[in-house]
Each structure stands twice: as C-alpha cells, then as structure tokens.
Amino acid sequence: MRTSKVNRENAEILAINAVGFLAGDETRLQRFLALSGLDLAGVSENAANPEFLAAILDYILNDEPLLIAFAESQTIEPNFVERARYELPGAAMDGV
C-alpha cells in the first residue's frame, strides 16, 4: 500500500492486508488465533466486518515488532497504521 492518504477505504484495505500478513506466517497466525479465540472459519466469516478489521489493526498496533514488520511489508510508516485505525469503528477518538 503506497499511499499517504488515510480514509475509510484505505483503512479497510490495510486491515485486510494485515489479515493476509498474519495468515502468511504460521507462527503469527497461530498466535493471533490463540489470543483472539477465533478459528480460520471465524476469520473468514468476519473478514468484511468493519469492527473485525478495526480489531485486526488494534492487534497489530499492540505489538511493536509486529507493527514494524507489517509496516515494512506494506512499505508504509508504522504511524500510517495508527492513523488508519482512527478511520474504523471503535477508535478512541470515534465521533470527535
């Protein structure tokens, strides 16, 4: 994702890319599944849900090494992930 613009659509695309990033590494995927309580079917069922996509970005943001690795894989700055998170439901500044 080579854009500096943050909007709802780019945030959703970034979160979907984050799901792919997690799924692309067995260790990352298993850790996410264990911590989230989901299985692969649950991930698939929720992949288009904006709240789920927000939770994916929250998960990435709460693990600095994971955040840095994900940002590098997307050729973006880590703070782009945080800015994108505010475009999805449930952000701390939602509605402000």
PDB file of N, CA and C in Angstrom:
ATOM      1  N   MET A   1       0.859  -1.176   0.000  1.00  0.00           N
ATOM      2  CA  MET A   1       0.000   0.000   0.000  1.00  0.00           C
ATOM      3  C   MET A   1       0.896   1.226   0.000  1.00  0.00           C
ATOM      4  N   ARG A   2       0.983   1.851  -1.106  1.00  0.00           N
ATOM      5  CA  ARG A   2       1.878   3.003  -1.252  1.00  0.00           C
ATOM      6  C   ARG A   2       1.070   4.284  -1.371  1.00  0.00           C
ATOM      7  N   THR A   3       0.424   4.648  -0.282  1.00  0.00           N
ATOM      8  CA  THR A   3      -0.356   5.870  -0.258  1.00  0.00           C
ATOM      9  C   THR A   3      -0.170   6.555   1.077  1.00  0.00           C
ATOM     10  N   SER A   4      -0.252   7.857   1.076  1.00  0.00           N
ATOM     11  CA  SER A   4      -0.155   8.582   2.339  1.00  0.00           C
ATOM     12  C   SER A   4      -1.525   9.055   2.787  1.00  0.00           C
ATOM     13  N   LYS A   5      -2.536   8.868   1.931  1.00  0.00           N
ATOM     14  CA  LYS A   5      -3.888   9.295   2.256  1.00  0.00           C
ATOM     15  C   LYS A   5      -4.564   8.256   3.137  1.00  0.00           C
ATOM     16  N   VAL A   6      -5.174   8.723   4.197  1.00  0.00           N
ATOM     17  CA  VAL A   6      -5.884   7.824   5.099  1.00  0.00           C
ATOM     18  C   VAL A   6      -7.368   8.147   5.014  1.00  0.00           C
ATOM     19  N   ASN A   7      -8.139   7.173   4.597  1.00  0.00           N
ATOM     20  CA  ASN A   7      -9.587   7.290   4.606  1.00  0.00           C
ATOM     21  C   ASN A   7     -10.157   5.918   4.945  1.00  0.00           C
ATOM     22  N   ARG A   8     -11.452   5.825   5.041  1.00  0.00           N
ATOM     23  CA  ARG A   8     -12.096   4.571   5.450  1.00  0.00           C
ATOM     24  C   ARG A   8     -11.720   3.428   4.500  1.00  0.00           C
ATOM     25  N   GLU A   9     -11.783   3.681   3.208  1.00  0.00           N
ATOM     26  CA  GLU A   9     -11.485   2.633   2.240  1.00  0.00           C
ATOM     27  C   GLU A   9     -10.042   2.134   2.380  1.00  0.00           C
ATOM     28  N   ASN A  10      -9.086   3.062   2.487  1.00  0.00           N
ATOM     29  CA  ASN A  10      -7.686   2.656   2.647  1.00  0.00           C
ATOM     30  C   ASN A  10      -7.462   1.937   3.969  1.00  0.00           C
ATOM     31  N   ALA A  11      -8.182   2.351   5.006  1.00  0.00           N
ATOM     32  CA  ALA A  11      -8.055   1.680   6.304  1.00  0.00           C
ATOM     33  C   ALA A  11      -8.551   0.246   6.216  1.00  0.00           C
ATOM     34  N   GLU A  12      -9.668   0.036   5.531  1.00  0.00           N
ATOM     35  CA  GLU A  12     -10.197  -1.316   5.380  1.00  0.00           C
ATOM     36  C   GLU A  12      -9.252  -2.180   4.540  1.00  0.00           C
ATOM     37  N   ILE A  13      -8.713  -1.620   3.485  1.00  0.00           N
ATOM     38  CA  ILE A  13      -7.754  -2.355   2.650  1.00  0.00           C
ATOM     39  C   ILE A  13      -6.515  -2.725   3.467  1.00  0.00           C
ATOM     40  N   LEU A  14      -6.032  -1.775   4.253  1.00  0.00           N
ATOM     41  CA  LEU A  14      -4.864  -2.041   5.087  1.00  0.00           C
ATOM     42  C   LEU A  14      -5.149  -3.169   6.075  1.00  0.00           C
ATOM     43  N   ALA A  15      -6.323  -3.149   6.691  1.00  0.00           N
ATOM     44  CA  ALA A  15      -6.678  -4.199   7.652  1.00  0.00           C
ATOM     45  C   ALA A  15      -6.802  -5.555   6.963  1.00  0.00           C
ATOM     46  N   ILE A  16      -7.365  -5.579   5.767  1.00  0.00           N
ATOM     47  CA  ILE A  16      -7.442  -6.838   5.018  1.00  0.00           C
ATOM     48  C   ILE A  16      -6.035  -7.331   4.686  1.00  0.00           C
ATOM     49  N   ASN A  17      -5.158  -6.417   4.324  1.00  0.00           N
ATOM     50  CA  ASN A  17      -3.756  -6.783   4.086  1.00  0.00           C
ATOM     51  C   ASN A  17      -3.118  -7.323   5.358  1.00  0.00           C
ATOM     52  N   ALA A  18      -3.511  -6.773   6.506  1.00  0.00           N
ATOM     53  CA  ALA A  18      -2.977  -7.247   7.787  1.00  0.00           C
ATOM     54  C   ALA A  18      -3.412  -8.681   8.049  1.00  0.00           C
ATOM     55  N   VAL A  19      -4.639  -9.019   7.697  1.00  0.00           N
ATOM     56  CA  VAL A  19      -5.101 -10.407   7.837  1.00  0.00           C
ATOM     57  C   VAL A  19      -4.216 -11.316   6.983  1.00  0.00           C
ATOM     58  N   GLY A  20      -3.960 -10.903   5.753  1.00  0.00           N
ATOM     59  CA  GLY A  20      -3.086 -11.687   4.877  1.00  0.00           C
ATOM     60  C   GLY A  20      -1.677 -11.804   5.420  1.00  0.00           C
ATOM     61  N   PHE A  21      -1.190 -10.717   6.010  1.00  0.00           N
ATOM     62  CA  PHE A  21       0.144 -10.709   6.610  1.00  0.00           C
ATOM     63  C   PHE A  21       0.211 -11.728   7.744  1.00  0.00           C
ATOM     64  N   LEU A  22      -0.802 -11.739   8.595  1.00  0.00           N
ATOM     65  CA  LEU A  22      -0.828 -12.699   9.698  1.00  0.00           C
ATOM     66  C   LEU A  22      -0.947 -14.126   9.163  1.00  0.00           C
ATOM     67  N   ALA A  23      -1.803 -14.314   8.164  1.00  0.00           N
ATOM     68  CA  ALA A  23      -2.018 -15.650   7.606  1.00  0.00           C
ATOM     69  C   ALA A  23      -0.798 -16.174   6.850  1.00  0.00           C
ATOM     70  N   GLY A  24       0.061 -15.269   6.410  1.00  0.00           N
ATOM     71  CA  GLY A  24       1.234 -15.661   5.647  1.00  0.00           C
ATOM     72  C   GLY A  24       2.363 -16.254   6.471  1.00  0.00           C
ATOM     73  N   ASP A  25       2.208 -16.254   7.780  1.00  0.00           N
ATOM     74  CA  ASP A  25       3.238 -16.801   8.667  1.00  0.00           C
ATOM     75  C   ASP A  25       2.537 -17.651   9.727  1.00  0.00           C
ATOM     76  N   GLU A  26       2.825 -18.927   9.743  1.00  0.00           N
ATOM     77  CA  GLU A  26       2.140 -19.861  10.640  1.00  0.00           C
ATOM     78  C   GLU A  26       2.235 -19.452  12.110  1.00  0.00           C
ATOM     79  N   THR A  27       3.405 -18.987  12.547  1.00  0.00           N
ATOM     80  CA  THR A  27       3.567 -18.583  13.946  1.00  0.00           C
ATOM     81  C   THR A  27       2.694 -17.379  14.270  1.00  0.00           C
ATOM     82  N   ARG A  28       2.731 -16.381  13.405  1.00  0.00           N
ATOM     83  CA  ARG A  28       1.890 -15.190  13.624  1.00  0.00           C
ATOM     84  C   ARG A  28       0.415 -15.559  13.630  1.00  0.00           C
ATOM     85  N   LEU A  29       0.027 -16.390  12.682  1.00  0.00           N
ATOM     86  CA  LEU A  29      -1.375 -16.775  12.572  1.00  0.00           C
ATOM     87  C   LEU A  29      -1.828 -17.537  13.811  1.00  0.00           C
ATOM     88  N   GLN A  30      -1.050 -18.505  14.234  1.00  0.00           N
ATOM     89  CA  GLN A  30      -1.435 -19.300  15.408  1.00  0.00           C
ATOM     90  C   GLN A  30      -1.522 -18.438  16.665  1.00  0.00           C
ATOM     91  N   ARG A  31      -0.618 -17.487  16.811  1.00  0.00           N
ATOM     92  CA  ARG A  31      -0.662 -16.588  17.975  1.00  0.00           C
ATOM     93  C   ARG A  31      -1.928 -15.736  17.927  1.00  0.00           C
ATOM     94  N   PHE A  32      -2.248 -15.184  16.753  1.00  0.00           N
ATOM     95  CA  PHE A  32      -3.458 -14.386  16.621  1.00  0.00           C
ATOM     96  C   PHE A  32      -4.694 -15.221  16.936  1.00  0.00           C
ATOM     97  N   LEU A  33      -4.773 -16.418  16.378  1.00  0.00           N
ATOM     98  CA  LEU A  33      -5.932 -17.276  16.627  1.00  0.00           C
ATOM     99  C   LEU A  33      -6.057 -17.612  18.109  1.00  0.00           C
ATOM    100  N   ALA A  34      -4.940 -17.904  18.744  1.00  0.00           N
ATOM    101  CA  ALA A  34      -4.971 -18.240  20.166  1.00  0.00           C
ATOM    102  C   ALA A  34      -5.430 -17.055  21.016  1.00  0.00           C
ATOM    103  N   LEU A  35      -4.922 -15.873  20.717  1.00  0.00           N
ATOM    104  CA  LEU A  35      -5.285 -14.700  21.512  1.00  0.00           C
ATOM    105  C   LEU A  35      -6.692 -14.197  21.216  1.00  0.00           C
ATOM    106  N   SER A  36      -7.142 -14.364  19.991  1.00  0.00           N
ATOM    107  CA  SER A  36      -8.464 -13.861  19.618  1.00  0.00           C
ATOM    108  C   SER A  36      -9.582 -14.849  19.941  1.00  0.00           C
ATOM    109  N   GLY A  37      -9.229 -16.124  20.061  1.00  0.00           N
ATOM    110  CA  GLY A  37     -10.244 -17.147  20.282  1.00  0.00           C
ATOM    111  C   GLY A  37     -10.969 -17.553  19.013  1.00  0.00           C
ATOM    112  N   LEU A  38     -10.510 -17.048  17.885  1.00  0.00           N
ATOM    113  CA  LEU A  38     -11.120 -17.388  16.603  1.00  0.00           C
ATOM    114  C   LEU A  38     -10.442 -18.608  15.995  1.00  0.00           C
ATOM    115  N   ASP A  39     -11.127 -19.195  15.031  1.00  0.00           N
ATOM    116  CA  ASP A  39     -10.500 -20.197  14.183  1.00  0.00           C
ATOM    117  C   ASP A  39     -10.488 -19.620  12.772  1.00  0.00           C
ATOM    118  N   LEU A  40      -9.964 -20.369  11.818  1.00  0.00           N
ATOM    119  CA  LEU A  40      -9.869 -19.855  10.449  1.00  0.00           C
ATOM    120  C   LEU A  40     -11.245 -19.529   9.869  1.00  0.00           C
ATOM    121  N   ALA A  41     -12.242 -20.323  10.199  1.00  0.00           N
ATOM    122  CA  ALA A  41     -13.598 -20.058   9.709  1.00  0.00           C
ATOM    123  C   ALA A  41     -14.108 -18.733  10.268  1.00  0.00           C
ATOM    124  N   GLY A  42     -13.816 -18.458  11.527  1.00  0.00           N
ATOM    125  CA  GLY A  42     -14.229 -17.197  12.137  1.00  0.00           C
ATOM    126  C   GLY A  42     -13.568 -16.001  11.491  1.00  0.00           C
ATOM    127  N   VAL A  43     -12.307 -16.158  11.135  1.00  0.00           N
ATOM    128  CA  VAL A  43     -11.597 -15.081  10.438  1.00  0.00           C
ATOM    129  C   VAL A  43     -12.249 -14.837   9.086  1.00  0.00           C
ATOM    130  N   SER A  44     -12.514 -15.895   8.358  1.00  0.00           N
ATOM    131  CA  SER A  44     -13.142 -15.768   7.037  1.00  0.00           C
ATOM    132  C   SER A  44     -14.525 -15.139   7.133  1.00  0.00           C
ATOM    133  N   GLU A  45     -15.302 -15.566   8.104  1.00  0.00           N
ATOM    134  CA  GLU A  45     -16.660 -15.045   8.280  1.00  0.00           C
ATOM    135  C   GLU A  45     -16.668 -13.556   8.603  1.00  0.00           C
ATOM    136  N   ASN A  46     -15.655 -13.089   9.290  1.00  0.00           N
ATOM    137  CA  ASN A  46     -15.620 -11.698   9.751  1.00  0.00           C
ATOM    138  C   ASN A  46     -14.779 -10.771   8.889  1.00  0.00           C
ATOM    139  N   ALA A  47     -14.182 -11.280   7.846  1.00  0.00           N
ATOM    140  CA  ALA A  47     -13.208 -10.504   7.077  1.00  0.00           C
ATOM    141  C   ALA A  47     -13.749  -9.199   6.518  1.00  0.00           C
ATOM    142  N   ALA A  48     -15.032  -9.084   6.280  1.00  0.00           N
ATOM    143  CA  ALA A  48     -15.604  -7.853   5.741  1.00  0.00           C
ATOM    144  C   ALA A  48     -16.252  -6.981   6.820  1.00  0.00           C
ATOM    145  N   ASN A  49     -16.202  -7.416   8.056  1.00  0.00           N
ATOM    146  CA  ASN A  49     -16.827  -6.692   9.161  1.00  0.00           C
ATOM    147  C   ASN A  49     -15.912  -5.549   9.609  1.00  0.00           C
ATOM    148  N   PRO A  50     -16.367  -4.302   9.545  1.00  0.00           N
ATOM    149  CA  PRO A  50     -15.517  -3.165   9.924  1.00  0.00           C
ATOM    150  C   PRO A  50     -14.990  -3.244  11.361  1.00  0.00           C
ATOM    151  N   GLU A  51     -15.788  -3.787  12.276  1.00  0.00           N
ATOM    152  CA  GLU A  51     -15.327  -3.922  13.665  1.00  0.00           C
ATOM    153  C   GLU A  51     -14.201  -4.946  13.769  1.00  0.00           C
ATOM    154  N   PHE A  52     -14.314  -6.025  13.005  1.00  0.00           N
ATOM    155  CA  PHE A  52     -13.254  -7.027  12.976  1.00  0.00           C
ATOM    156  C   PHE A  52     -11.986  -6.433  12.378  1.00  0.00           C
ATOM    157  N   LEU A  53     -12.137  -5.678  11.296  1.00  0.00           N
ATOM    158  CA  LEU A  53     -10.974  -5.049  10.670  1.00  0.00           C
ATOM    159  C   LEU A  53     -10.304  -4.079  11.636  1.00  0.00           C
ATOM    160  N   ALA A  54     -11.102  -3.362  12.408  1.00  0.00           N
ATOM    161  CA  ALA A  54     -10.550  -2.465  13.424  1.00  0.00           C
ATOM    162  C   ALA A  54      -9.772  -3.263  14.472  1.00  0.00           C
ATOM    163  N   ALA A  55     -10.331  -4.393  14.873  1.00  0.00           N
ATOM    164  CA  ALA A  55      -9.661  -5.242  15.865  1.00  0.00           C
ATOM    165  C   ALA A  55      -8.335  -5.782  15.333  1.00  0.00           C
ATOM    166  N   ILE A  56      -8.286  -6.080  14.048  1.00  0.00           N
ATOM    167  CA  ILE A  56      -7.028  -6.536  13.440  1.00  0.00           C
ATOM    168  C   ILE A  56      -5.967  -5.449  13.568  1.00  0.00           C
ATOM    169  N   LEU A  57      -6.334  -4.214  13.234  1.00  0.00           N
ATOM    170  CA  LEU A  57      -5.354  -3.126  13.352  1.00  0.00           C
ATOM    171  C   LEU A  57      -4.973  -2.897  14.810  1.00  0.00           C
ATOM    172  N   ASP A  58      -5.927  -3.027  15.734  1.00  0.00           N
ATOM    173  CA  ASP A  58      -5.600  -2.919  17.161  1.00  0.00           C
ATOM    174  C   ASP A  58      -4.571  -3.975  17.547  1.00  0.00           C
ATOM    175  N   TYR A  59      -4.789  -5.183  17.076  1.00  0.00           N
ATOM    176  CA  TYR A  59      -3.868  -6.280  17.378  1.00  0.00           C
ATOM    177  C   TYR A  59      -2.464  -5.957  16.868  1.00  0.00           C
ATOM    178  N   ILE A  60      -2.376  -5.490  15.657  1.00  0.00           N
ATOM    179  CA  ILE A  60      -1.067  -5.124  15.072  1.00  0.00           C
ATOM    180  C   ILE A  60      -0.429  -3.987  15.864  1.00  0.00           C
ATOM    181  N   LEU A  61      -1.234  -2.989  16.221  1.00  0.00           N
ATOM    182  CA  LEU A  61      -0.707  -1.814  16.927  1.00  0.00           C
ATOM    183  C   LEU A  61      -0.220  -2.137  18.334  1.00  0.00           C
ATOM    184  N   ASN A  62      -0.727  -3.203  18.924  1.00  0.00           N
ATOM    185  CA  ASN A  62      -0.353  -3.542  20.297  1.00  0.00           C
ATOM    186  C   ASN A  62       0.893  -4.411  20.403  1.00  0.00           C
ATOM    187  N   ASP A  63       1.560  -4.649  19.297  1.00  0.00           N
ATOM    188  CA  ASP A  63       2.783  -5.461  19.287  1.00  0.00           C
ATOM    189  C   ASP A  63       3.793  -4.740  18.395  1.00  0.00           C
ATOM    190  N   GLU A  64       4.693  -3.971  19.009  1.00  0.00           N
ATOM    191  CA  GLU A  64       5.595  -3.112  18.229  1.00  0.00           C
ATOM    192  C   GLU A  64       6.424  -3.867  17.191  1.00  0.00           C
ATOM    193  N   PRO A  65       7.048  -4.992  17.528  1.00  0.00           N
ATOM    194  CA  PRO A  65       7.794  -5.712  16.483  1.00  0.00           C
ATOM    195  C   PRO A  65       6.888  -6.167  15.334  1.00  0.00           C
ATOM    196  N   LEU A  66       5.669  -6.586  15.668  1.00  0.00           N
ATOM    197  CA  LEU A  66       4.720  -6.988  14.633  1.00  0.00           C
ATOM    198  C   LEU A  66       4.315  -5.784  13.793  1.00  0.00           C
ATOM    199  N   LEU A  67       4.067  -4.655  14.438  1.00  0.00           N
ATOM    200  CA  LEU A  67       3.719  -3.419  13.734  1.00  0.00           C
ATOM    201  C   LEU A  67       4.810  -3.022  12.752  1.00  0.00           C
ATOM    202  N   ILE A  68       6.039  -3.057  13.203  1.00  0.00           N
ATOM    203  CA  ILE A  68       7.156  -2.664  12.342  1.00  0.00           C
ATOM    204  C   ILE A  68       7.283  -3.626  11.164  1.00  0.00           C
ATOM    205  N   ALA A  69       7.171  -4.922  11.431  1.00  0.00           N
ATOM    206  CA  ALA A  69       7.262  -5.912  10.350  1.00  0.00           C
ATOM    207  C   ALA A  69       6.121  -5.724   9.354  1.00  0.00           C
ATOM    208  N   PHE A  70       4.921  -5.481   9.859  1.00  0.00           N
ATOM    209  CA  PHE A  70       3.781  -5.274   8.961  1.00  0.00           C
ATOM    210  C   PHE A  70       3.968  -4.003   8.136  1.00  0.00           C
ATOM    211  N   ALA A  71       4.353  -2.920   8.778  1.00  0.00           N
ATOM    212  CA  ALA A  71       4.564  -1.658   8.059  1.00  0.00           C
ATOM    213  C   ALA A  71       5.614  -1.832   6.964  1.00  0.00           C
ATOM    214  N   GLU A  72       6.692  -2.518   7.283  1.00  0.00           N
ATOM    215  CA  GLU A  72       7.728  -2.763   6.276  1.00  0.00           C
ATOM    216  C   GLU A  72       7.175  -3.590   5.115  1.00  0.00           C
ATOM    217  N   SER A  73       6.341  -4.561   5.432  1.00  0.00           N
ATOM    218  CA  SER A  73       5.785  -5.405   4.369  1.00  0.00           C
ATOM    219  C   SER A  73       4.848  -4.617   3.450  1.00  0.00           C
ATOM    220  N   GLN A  74       4.289  -3.539   3.968  1.00  0.00           N
ATOM    221  CA  GLN A  74       3.362  -2.719   3.193  1.00  0.00           C
ATOM    222  C   GLN A  74       4.031  -1.464   2.628  1.00  0.00           C
ATOM    223  N   THR A  75       5.314  -1.307   2.908  1.00  0.00           N
ATOM    224  CA  THR A  75       6.088  -0.116   2.529  1.00  0.00           C
ATOM    225  C   THR A  75       5.390   1.172   2.971  1.00  0.00           C
ATOM    226  N   ILE A  76       5.001   1.171   4.259  1.00  0.00           N
ATOM    227  CA  ILE A  76       4.389   2.345   4.882  1.00  0.00           C
ATOM    228  C   ILE A  76       5.100   2.617   6.192  1.00  0.00           C
ATOM    229  N   GLU A  77       4.891   3.801   6.712  1.00  0.00           N
ATOM    230  CA  GLU A  77       5.399   4.132   8.044  1.00  0.00           C
ATOM    231  C   GLU A  77       4.465   3.508   9.082  1.00  0.00           C
ATOM    232  N   PRO A  78       4.988   3.075  10.220  1.00  0.00           N
ATOM    233  CA  PRO A  78       4.129   2.492  11.250  1.00  0.00           C
ATOM    234  C   PRO A  78       2.988   3.419  11.689  1.00  0.00           C
ATOM    235  N   ASN A  79       3.223   4.724  11.680  1.00  0.00           N
ATOM    236  CA  ASN A  79       2.153   5.617  12.130  1.00  0.00           C
ATOM    237  C   ASN A  79       0.975   5.649  11.161  1.00  0.00           C
ATOM    238  N   PHE A  80       1.170   5.185   9.930  1.00  0.00           N
ATOM    239  CA  PHE A  80       0.049   5.085   8.991  1.00  0.00           C
ATOM    240  C   PHE A  80      -0.978   4.082   9.504  1.00  0.00           C
ATOM    241  N   VAL A  81      -0.519   3.022  10.139  1.00  0.00           N
ATOM    242  CA  VAL A  81      -1.432   2.012  10.689  1.00  0.00           C
ATOM    243  C   VAL A  81      -2.282   2.650  11.785  1.00  0.00           C
ATOM    244  N   GLU A  82      -1.663   3.441  12.631  1.00  0.00           N
ATOM    245  CA  GLU A  82      -2.410   4.112  13.694  1.00  0.00           C
ATOM    246  C   GLU A  82      -3.421   5.096  13.112  1.00  0.00           C
ATOM    247  N   ARG A  83      -3.008   5.862  12.129  1.00  0.00           N
ATOM    248  CA  ARG A  83      -3.919   6.823  11.505  1.00  0.00           C
ATOM    249  C   ARG A  83      -5.079   6.093  10.832  1.00  0.00           C
ATOM    250  N   ALA A  84      -4.779   4.975  10.203  1.00  0.00           N
ATOM    251  CA  ALA A  84      -5.830   4.186   9.559  1.00  0.00           C
ATOM    252  C   ALA A  84      -6.817   3.653  10.594  1.00  0.00           C
ATOM    253  N   ARG A  85      -6.310   3.284  11.745  1.00  0.00           N
ATOM    254  CA  ARG A  85      -7.188   2.736  12.796  1.00  0.00           C
ATOM    255  C   ARG A  85      -8.288   3.714  13.165  1.00  0.00           C
ATOM    256  N   TYR A  86      -7.990   5.009  13.156  1.00  0.00           N
ATOM    257  CA  TYR A  86      -8.987   6.013  13.520  1.00  0.00           C
ATOM    258  C   TYR A  86     -10.099   6.150  12.493  1.00  0.00           C
ATOM    259  N   GLU A  87      -9.925   5.553  11.331  1.00  0.00           N
ATOM    260  CA  GLU A  87     -10.959   5.601  10.303  1.00  0.00           C
ATOM    261  C   GLU A  87     -11.985   4.475  10.455  1.00  0.00           C
ATOM    262  N   LEU A  88     -11.714   3.544  11.343  1.00  0.00           N
ATOM    263  CA  LEU A  88     -12.595   2.389  11.538  1.00  0.00           C
ATOM    264  C   LEU A  88     -13.340   2.517  12.858  1.00  0.00           C
ATOM    265  N   PRO A  89     -14.454   1.797  13.008  1.00  0.00           N
ATOM    266  CA  PRO A  89     -15.279   1.897  14.218  1.00  0.00           C
ATOM    267  C   PRO A  89     -14.525   1.552  15.492  1.00  0.00           C
ATOM    268  N   GLY A  90     -14.929   2.218  16.566  1.00  0.00           N
ATOM    269  CA  GLY A  90     -14.420   1.892  17.891  1.00  0.00           C
ATOM    270  C   GLY A  90     -13.130   2.579  18.295  1.00  0.00           C
ATOM    271  N   ALA A  91     -12.603   3.458  17.456  1.00  0.00           N
ATOM    272  CA  ALA A  91     -11.363   4.170  17.815  1.00  0.00           C
ATOM    273  C   ALA A  91     -11.649   5.101  18.978  1.00  0.00           C
ATOM    274  N   ALA A  92     -10.641   5.344  19.779  1.00  0.00           N
ATOM    275  CA  ALA A  92     -10.782   6.185  20.965  1.00  0.00           C
ATOM    276  C   ALA A  92     -11.339   7.562  20.636  1.00  0.00           C
ATOM    277  N   MET A  93     -11.033   8.043  19.456  1.00  0.00           N
ATOM    278  CA  MET A  93     -11.490   9.386  19.074  1.00  0.00           C
ATOM    279  C   MET A  93     -12.704   9.297  18.150  1.00  0.00           C
ATOM    280  N   ASP A  94     -13.358   8.137  18.083  1.00  0.00           N
ATOM    281  CA  ASP A  94     -14.527   7.931  17.232  1.00  0.00           C
ATOM    282  C   ASP A  94     -15.589   8.989  17.543  1.00  0.00           C
ATOM    283  N   GLY A  95     -16.006   9.713  16.546  1.00  0.00           N
ATOM    284  CA  GLY A  95     -17.054  10.698  16.737  1.00  0.00           C
ATOM    285  C   GLY A  95     -16.590  12.037  17.230  1.00  0.00           C
ATOM    286  N   VAL A  96     -15.293  12.222  17.418  1.00  0.00           N
ATOM    287  CA  VAL A  96     -14.774  13.514  17.906  1.00  0.00           C
ATOM    288  C   VAL A  96     -14.508  14.412  16.746  1.00  0.00           C
TER     289      VAL A  96
END
